Every structure is written in structure tokens, then in C-alpha cells.
Protein backbone atom coordinates (compact mmCIF):
# COMPACT_ATOMS: atom_id res chain seq x y z
CA MET A 1 -27.20 -48.72 19.43
CA ILE A 2 -25.73 -46.25 21.96
CA LYS A 3 -27.92 -43.44 20.57
CA LYS A 4 -30.98 -45.70 20.82
CA GLY A 5 -30.11 -46.55 24.42
CA PHE A 6 -29.77 -42.89 25.40
CA SER A 7 -33.05 -42.11 23.65
CA MET A 8 -34.85 -44.86 25.54
CA LEU A 9 -33.30 -43.65 28.79
CA GLY A 10 -34.37 -40.09 27.98
CA THR A 11 -38.00 -40.98 27.27
CA GLY A 12 -38.11 -43.15 30.39
CA LEU A 13 -36.84 -40.24 32.48
CA LEU A 14 -39.45 -37.91 30.97
CA TYR A 15 -42.17 -40.39 31.86
CA LEU A 16 -40.99 -40.60 35.47
CA ILE A 17 -40.84 -36.80 35.75
CA SER A 18 -44.39 -36.61 34.40
CA LEU A 19 -45.61 -38.56 37.43
CA LEU A 20 -44.64 -35.69 39.73
CA PRO A 21 -47.43 -33.35 40.90
CA PHE A 22 -47.65 -29.88 39.40
CA PHE A 23 -46.42 -28.06 42.50
CA ILE A 24 -43.11 -29.97 42.36
CA LEU A 25 -42.87 -29.55 38.59
CA TYR A 26 -43.16 -25.79 38.98
CA ARG A 27 -40.32 -25.77 41.53
CA ILE A 28 -38.27 -27.61 38.89
CA ALA A 29 -39.34 -24.96 36.37
CA ASP A 30 -38.09 -22.20 38.68
CA ILE A 31 -34.66 -23.83 38.77
CA LEU A 32 -34.75 -24.56 35.04
CA PHE A 33 -35.37 -20.88 34.31
CA LEU A 34 -32.30 -19.85 36.30
CA ILE A 35 -30.14 -22.42 34.54
CA THR A 36 -31.34 -21.80 30.97
CA TYR A 37 -31.40 -18.02 31.20
CA TYR A 38 -28.59 -16.98 33.54
CA ILE A 39 -26.13 -19.90 33.35
CA ILE A 40 -26.47 -21.52 29.92
CA GLY A 41 -28.01 -18.57 28.09
CA TYR A 42 -30.02 -20.97 25.91
CA ARG A 43 -30.70 -19.27 22.55
CA ARG A 44 -30.72 -15.90 24.26
CA SER A 45 -29.12 -14.27 21.22
CA VAL A 46 -31.85 -15.73 18.97
CA VAL A 47 -34.59 -14.40 21.23
CA ARG A 48 -33.00 -10.94 21.39
CA GLU A 49 -32.60 -10.76 17.63
CA ASN A 50 -36.21 -11.84 17.08
CA LEU A 51 -37.56 -9.34 19.60
CA GLN A 52 -35.45 -6.54 18.12
CA SER A 53 -36.82 -7.25 14.64
CA ALA A 54 -40.41 -7.69 15.80
CA PHE A 55 -40.56 -4.70 18.16
CA PRO A 56 -38.09 -2.02 16.99
CA GLU A 57 -40.37 0.63 18.49
CA LYS A 58 -39.86 -0.72 22.02
CA THR A 59 -36.97 0.34 24.21
CA LYS A 60 -34.14 -2.05 25.04
CA ALA A 61 -35.46 -2.27 28.60
CA GLU A 62 -38.95 -3.18 27.37
CA ARG A 63 -37.58 -5.93 25.14
CA LEU A 64 -35.41 -7.23 27.97
CA ALA A 65 -38.49 -7.47 30.20
CA ILE A 66 -40.28 -9.53 27.52
CA GLU A 67 -37.20 -11.70 27.12
CA LYS A 68 -37.06 -12.60 30.82
CA LYS A 69 -40.80 -13.26 30.97
CA TYR A 70 -40.45 -15.48 27.91
CA PHE A 71 -37.70 -17.64 29.41
CA ARG A 72 -39.60 -17.91 32.68
CA TYR A 73 -42.68 -19.10 30.77
CA LEU A 74 -40.58 -21.43 28.58
CA ALA A 75 -39.51 -23.29 31.72
CA ASP A 76 -43.17 -23.66 32.72
CA LEU A 77 -44.04 -24.80 29.21
CA ILE A 78 -41.40 -27.52 29.32
CA VAL A 79 -42.59 -29.08 32.60
CA GLU A 80 -46.27 -28.71 31.65
CA SER A 81 -45.60 -30.50 28.35
CA ILE A 82 -43.75 -33.32 30.10
CA LYS A 83 -46.71 -33.71 32.48
CA LEU A 84 -48.96 -34.43 29.49
CA CYS A 85 -47.50 -37.95 29.31
CA THR A 86 -49.57 -39.00 32.33
CA ILE A 87 -52.06 -36.19 32.96
CA SER A 88 -55.68 -37.26 33.43
CA THR A 89 -58.59 -36.13 31.28
CA GLY A 90 -60.14 -34.37 34.25
CA GLU A 91 -56.96 -32.42 34.93
CA VAL A 92 -56.71 -31.26 31.31
CA GLN A 93 -60.36 -30.19 31.32
CA LYS A 94 -59.78 -28.27 34.55
CA ARG A 95 -56.67 -26.51 33.26
CA ILE A 96 -57.97 -25.44 29.84
CA HIS A 97 -61.45 -23.94 29.84
CA ILE A 98 -63.25 -23.95 26.49
CA VAL A 99 -65.15 -20.67 26.30
CA ASN A 100 -67.48 -21.24 23.35
CA MET A 101 -67.75 -24.81 22.07
CA ASP A 102 -71.35 -23.95 21.17
CA LEU A 103 -70.00 -21.80 18.33
CA ILE A 104 -68.38 -24.82 16.68
CA GLU A 105 -71.60 -26.77 17.05
CA SER A 106 -73.76 -24.01 15.56
CA ILE A 107 -71.63 -22.92 12.59
CA ALA A 108 -70.31 -26.36 11.62
CA PHE A 109 -71.24 -29.64 13.29
CA LYS A 110 -75.03 -29.14 13.26
CA GLN A 111 -74.79 -28.50 9.53
CA GLY A 112 -72.60 -31.53 8.90
CA ARG A 113 -69.57 -29.32 8.25
CA SER A 114 -65.99 -30.05 9.27
CA VAL A 115 -63.75 -27.53 11.04
CA ILE A 116 -60.12 -26.55 10.61
CA GLY A 117 -58.65 -24.80 13.64
CA ALA A 118 -55.52 -22.72 13.12
CA VAL A 119 -53.26 -22.43 16.16
CA GLY A 120 -49.92 -20.81 16.83
CA HIS A 121 -46.94 -21.80 18.94
CA TYR A 122 -48.43 -19.64 21.63
CA GLY A 123 -49.23 -20.59 25.20
CA ASN A 124 -49.24 -24.33 25.81
CA TRP A 125 -50.26 -25.57 22.37
CA GLU A 126 -49.47 -29.16 23.36
CA MET A 127 -51.93 -29.11 26.27
CA GLY A 128 -54.36 -27.30 23.98
CA GLY A 129 -54.13 -30.18 21.52
CA LEU A 130 -55.02 -32.69 24.24
CA ARG A 131 -57.92 -30.53 25.41
CA LEU A 132 -59.30 -30.28 21.88
CA SER A 133 -59.10 -34.07 21.67
CA LEU A 134 -61.76 -34.22 24.40
CA LEU A 135 -64.25 -31.81 22.84
CA THR A 136 -66.38 -33.98 20.61
CA ASP A 137 -67.10 -37.49 19.42
CA LYS A 138 -66.29 -36.37 15.86
CA ARG A 139 -62.93 -37.42 14.46
CA ARG A 140 -60.24 -35.13 15.89
CA ILE A 141 -57.18 -34.70 13.68
CA ILE A 142 -53.93 -33.16 14.89
CA VAL A 143 -51.36 -32.34 12.24
CA TYR A 144 -47.80 -32.77 13.48
CA LYS A 145 -44.22 -32.68 12.24
CA PRO A 146 -42.47 -36.04 12.86
CA LEU A 147 -39.14 -35.98 14.71
CA SER A 148 -36.04 -37.49 13.14
CA ASN A 149 -35.36 -39.52 16.30
CA LYS A 150 -37.83 -42.40 16.00
CA ILE A 151 -37.90 -43.22 19.72
CA PHE A 152 -38.72 -39.65 20.74
CA ASP A 153 -41.13 -39.37 17.81
CA ARG A 154 -43.05 -42.41 19.06
CA PHE A 155 -42.99 -41.03 22.60
CA PHE A 156 -44.55 -37.71 21.58
CA PHE A 157 -46.92 -39.44 19.14
CA ASN A 158 -48.31 -41.54 21.98
CA MET A 159 -48.57 -38.48 24.22
CA ARG A 160 -50.46 -36.39 21.67
CA SER A 161 -52.85 -39.16 20.68
CA ARG A 162 -53.61 -40.61 24.12
CA PHE A 163 -57.11 -39.07 24.26
CA GLY A 164 -58.21 -40.43 20.92
CA ALA A 165 -56.97 -37.88 18.38
CA THR A 166 -55.85 -39.03 14.95
CA LEU A 167 -52.31 -37.79 14.33
CA VAL A 168 -51.40 -37.02 10.74
CA PRO A 169 -47.88 -36.10 9.54
CA MET A 170 -47.73 -32.71 7.82
CA LYS A 171 -46.81 -34.16 4.45
CA SER A 172 -49.80 -36.52 4.52
CA THR A 173 -52.37 -33.96 5.63
CA PHE A 174 -54.00 -33.21 2.28
CA ARG A 175 -54.37 -36.89 1.37
CA LYS A 176 -55.79 -37.78 4.79
CA LEU A 177 -58.34 -34.96 4.86
CA VAL A 178 -59.54 -35.93 1.40
CA GLU A 179 -59.79 -39.51 2.67
CA TYR A 180 -61.97 -38.33 5.60
CA ARG A 181 -64.00 -35.87 3.51
CA HIS A 182 -67.23 -37.81 4.08
CA GLU A 183 -66.82 -37.58 7.87
CA VAL A 184 -67.35 -34.54 10.08
CA THR A 185 -63.90 -33.78 11.44
CA PHE A 186 -62.13 -31.23 13.64
CA THR A 187 -58.58 -30.67 12.38
CA VAL A 188 -56.01 -28.63 14.30
CA LEU A 189 -52.75 -27.44 12.79
CA ALA A 190 -50.16 -24.80 13.54
CA GLY A 191 -50.26 -21.90 11.12
CA ASP A 192 -46.89 -20.43 12.12
CA GLN A 193 -44.56 -23.30 11.22
CA THR A 194 -41.45 -22.38 9.24
CA PRO A 195 -41.53 -24.07 5.84
CA SER A 196 -38.38 -25.69 4.50
CA ARG A 197 -36.57 -23.84 1.72
CA GLU A 198 -38.16 -26.15 -0.88
CA GLU A 199 -41.64 -25.43 0.53
CA VAL A 200 -41.37 -21.63 0.64
CA GLN A 201 -43.99 -20.25 -1.77
CA TYR A 202 -45.35 -17.12 -0.15
CA PHE A 203 -44.17 -14.27 2.08
CA MET A 204 -46.41 -11.93 4.05
CA PRO A 205 -45.83 -9.25 6.69
CA PHE A 206 -45.70 -10.72 10.20
CA LEU A 207 -44.25 -9.04 13.27
CA ASN A 208 -42.66 -6.21 11.31
CA GLN A 209 -40.87 -8.31 8.66
CA PRO A 210 -41.54 -10.38 5.52
CA THR A 211 -42.19 -13.93 6.70
CA ALA A 212 -42.35 -17.21 4.81
CA VAL A 213 -45.69 -18.81 5.68
CA PHE A 214 -47.41 -22.11 5.02
CA SER A 215 -50.67 -21.91 3.12
CA GLY A 216 -51.77 -25.30 4.43
CA VAL A 217 -54.78 -24.06 6.40
CA GLU A 218 -56.10 -22.29 3.32
CA LYS A 219 -55.48 -25.13 0.88
CA LEU A 220 -57.06 -27.73 3.15
CA ALA A 221 -60.09 -25.58 3.95
CA LYS A 222 -60.81 -24.95 0.29
CA ALA A 223 -60.22 -28.58 -0.70
CA VAL A 224 -62.73 -30.03 1.79
CA ASN A 225 -64.89 -26.91 2.35
CA SER A 226 -64.21 -26.76 6.09
CA VAL A 227 -65.20 -23.90 8.37
CA VAL A 228 -62.04 -22.07 9.48
CA VAL A 229 -61.57 -20.87 13.07
CA PHE A 230 -58.65 -19.63 15.10
CA CYS A 231 -58.05 -21.42 18.40
CA ASP A 232 -57.16 -18.54 20.71
CA VAL A 233 -55.46 -20.07 23.76
CA ARG A 234 -54.60 -17.54 26.48
CA ARG A 235 -52.77 -18.10 29.75
CA ILE A 236 -54.87 -17.07 32.74
CA LYS A 237 -52.40 -17.97 35.48
CA ARG A 238 -49.68 -20.53 36.01
CA GLY A 239 -50.91 -23.80 34.54
CA TYR A 240 -54.36 -22.55 33.53
CA TYR A 241 -55.67 -21.37 30.16
CA ASN A 242 -58.79 -20.29 28.28
CA CYS A 243 -59.49 -21.34 24.70
CA THR A 244 -61.83 -19.24 22.59
CA PHE A 245 -62.80 -20.20 19.04
CA VAL A 246 -62.69 -17.20 16.73
CA PRO A 247 -64.69 -17.71 13.50
CA LEU A 248 -62.74 -16.65 10.42
CA PHE A 249 -64.44 -18.15 7.35
CA GLU A 250 -67.58 -20.24 6.94
CA GLU A 251 -67.32 -20.41 3.13
CA PRO A 252 -63.61 -20.84 2.35
CA LYS A 253 -64.19 -21.51 -1.35
CA LEU A 254 -65.51 -17.97 -1.77
CA THR A 255 -62.32 -16.35 -0.47
CA ALA A 256 -59.58 -14.75 -2.54
CA GLU A 257 -56.13 -16.29 -2.82
CA HIS A 258 -54.14 -15.88 0.43
CA GLU A 259 -57.13 -14.31 2.20
CA ILE A 260 -57.45 -17.15 4.72
CA THR A 261 -53.69 -17.27 5.28
CA HIS A 262 -53.56 -13.54 5.98
CA ALA A 263 -56.52 -13.75 8.35
CA HIS A 264 -55.19 -16.43 10.69
CA VAL A 265 -51.59 -15.15 10.63
CA GLN A 266 -52.73 -11.59 11.36
CA TYR A 267 -54.93 -12.78 14.22
CA LEU A 268 -51.97 -14.61 15.74
CA GLU A 269 -49.89 -11.45 15.36
CA LYS A 270 -52.53 -9.50 17.30
CA VAL A 271 -52.45 -12.07 20.09
CA ILE A 272 -48.65 -12.00 20.25
CA LYS A 273 -48.53 -8.21 20.44
CA GLU A 274 -50.93 -8.21 23.39
CA GLU A 275 -48.81 -10.62 25.48
CA PRO A 276 -45.60 -11.40 23.57
CA GLN A 277 -43.95 -13.52 26.28
CA TYR A 278 -46.08 -16.56 25.44
CA TRP A 279 -44.93 -17.05 21.83
CA LEU A 280 -41.99 -19.29 20.83
CA TRP A 281 -39.28 -16.62 20.41
CA SER A 282 -36.38 -19.08 20.63
CA HIS A 283 -37.39 -20.57 17.27
CA ARG A 284 -35.38 -19.36 14.24
CA ARG A 285 -38.56 -18.18 12.53
CA TRP A 286 -37.00 -15.80 10.00
CA LYS A 287 -34.35 -17.98 8.38
CA PHE A 288 -35.53 -17.09 4.89
CA LYS A 289 -35.59 -13.67 3.27
CA PRO A 290 -37.46 -12.93 0.02
CA GLU A 291 -34.35 -11.48 -1.60
CA ASN A 292 -32.34 -14.66 -0.92
CA MET A 293 -34.78 -17.27 -2.19
CA ASN A 294 -33.58 -17.26 -5.80
CA ARG A 295 -29.92 -17.65 -4.96
């Protein structure tokens, strides 16, 4: 009961914070950066280890510069994501510019084809999800990982679905897409999630190390014959982004095993290497090593 009370208080506080205008939220982010980086040192050792493994060719000073930029952006990401609880459709459309929606129309929707968009935990993927919810009158599906705390899970579920998207838990994705196979849909899912130990089936090179990857994008695309694109979301300036759809495969059933997985993961790697501070470095992405999986 106490835990439930604190959870309700927490979600209520987040809602109230979301009512603040962006210019105040960014002042909060400035303070949050100082606290998380210099005072608390939130997951700083995790970030340093990840950057060392991903960029051994860079100097310590270069990695430290990325680290500081990352924590500064993380603070922005936190307040921007909280703002999504109450942000208007017009504000989302203003803050994320879609560069080439006509590509999706021409290679998929006009032919009655569905689309699967692979994204990474790069830039503000939460705001990107809301923006993609406003793109079309076709069914928009966002694949998400439910939280263990049911109150916070409901809070974020309502936030992510407030512009009409259909939210589908990761474990139900295949069944739901098969259920919607007669509709034209636009499905968005993160291709850089860390699978659980039981779900690890395939490793591939990613950021200089063998990495356990989900093959969900590939399996779903082949099962329902969806066009595969990468949703390339780039930060332009504080609070503003561009999203470009990068076509990967129009005929997924003709691809070799793991070809789709390699394509979207390698594209994300390219994006990260160009501006590494916008990826989620504080995540323990490399928990599993190939040599330890049979132990």
C-alpha cells in the first residue's frame, strides 16, 4: 500500500512538472545535469566502461568530452520526456520535423503494404514515437516493454498512446501483427533492446564488441511482408529534431537470415558514431558475452 501511494504521488508530480513551459524545464535540466553528473555520479562508471569498449581508438579526453555531453543531453531527455504527458499535437509537430513522409507513401501505403520502422534509443525516441503517431490515419503500432510497477506502467502507457497509437507489449508483438495482417499498419519498435538471457539467440558486431541482439524486426517483417525502414531521428538543437525514413528492405521475404537485423543495427551504429552523445550509454547494454552463454 505504501509503495502504491508513493507511485501515485510520483506520477502525480510528473504530471504537474509536465505542465511547465519548456524554458523552465530546461533550467531544471541544467540543474539536473549538475546533480546527476557532478554530485551523484549517476551510472558514470557504466557510461565510461561502455565508451571505453565502444571507442578504444579515442583518447581518454575525447571519451570524457562525449561523456559530459551525454549526461547534459540525458538531463534534457528526461525533462522533454516528462513534458510529453501534456504536450499538444501542434508542439510535437513543430519540434520533430518529418523529412520524407512521401517515401513511406510511395514504397508502402499506396501499394497497400505495411511498414515496420526500426528505431534506436537515440535522441528523444519517446517524442519520436508520439510524432509518428500523428503521421497517418493507418493503424500506428508502438511496441513497448511493460514496467513492473503497474502504476508507472499505466502512466507511461497513457502518455505513449495519447495520440491514437496502439501499444503492444513486446511479447505479444508477433501475435498482434498477425492479427492486423489484413490492415495497412505502421509499426515502430526499438532494434537495440537488450534481450533477457533466455531470449539471447544471436550475437553480431556492434560498437566494437559482440552484442546480443533481438531479431524481432526481421521476424515480424518476414511474417507479414512489411517494408522495413530505419527511423533516423537527429537532434537539430535543444528540443528540436528531424526524422528521416531510410528505406532498408521492400521485399523482406527475399532476404537472407540475419540480413535485416544486420542492416538496421549497422545503420544505428553509423548514426551513433557520428554523434555518440545522443545514444543511451547509461544502459548496461553488454551484460551478455558469447563465451558465457552456455554456462
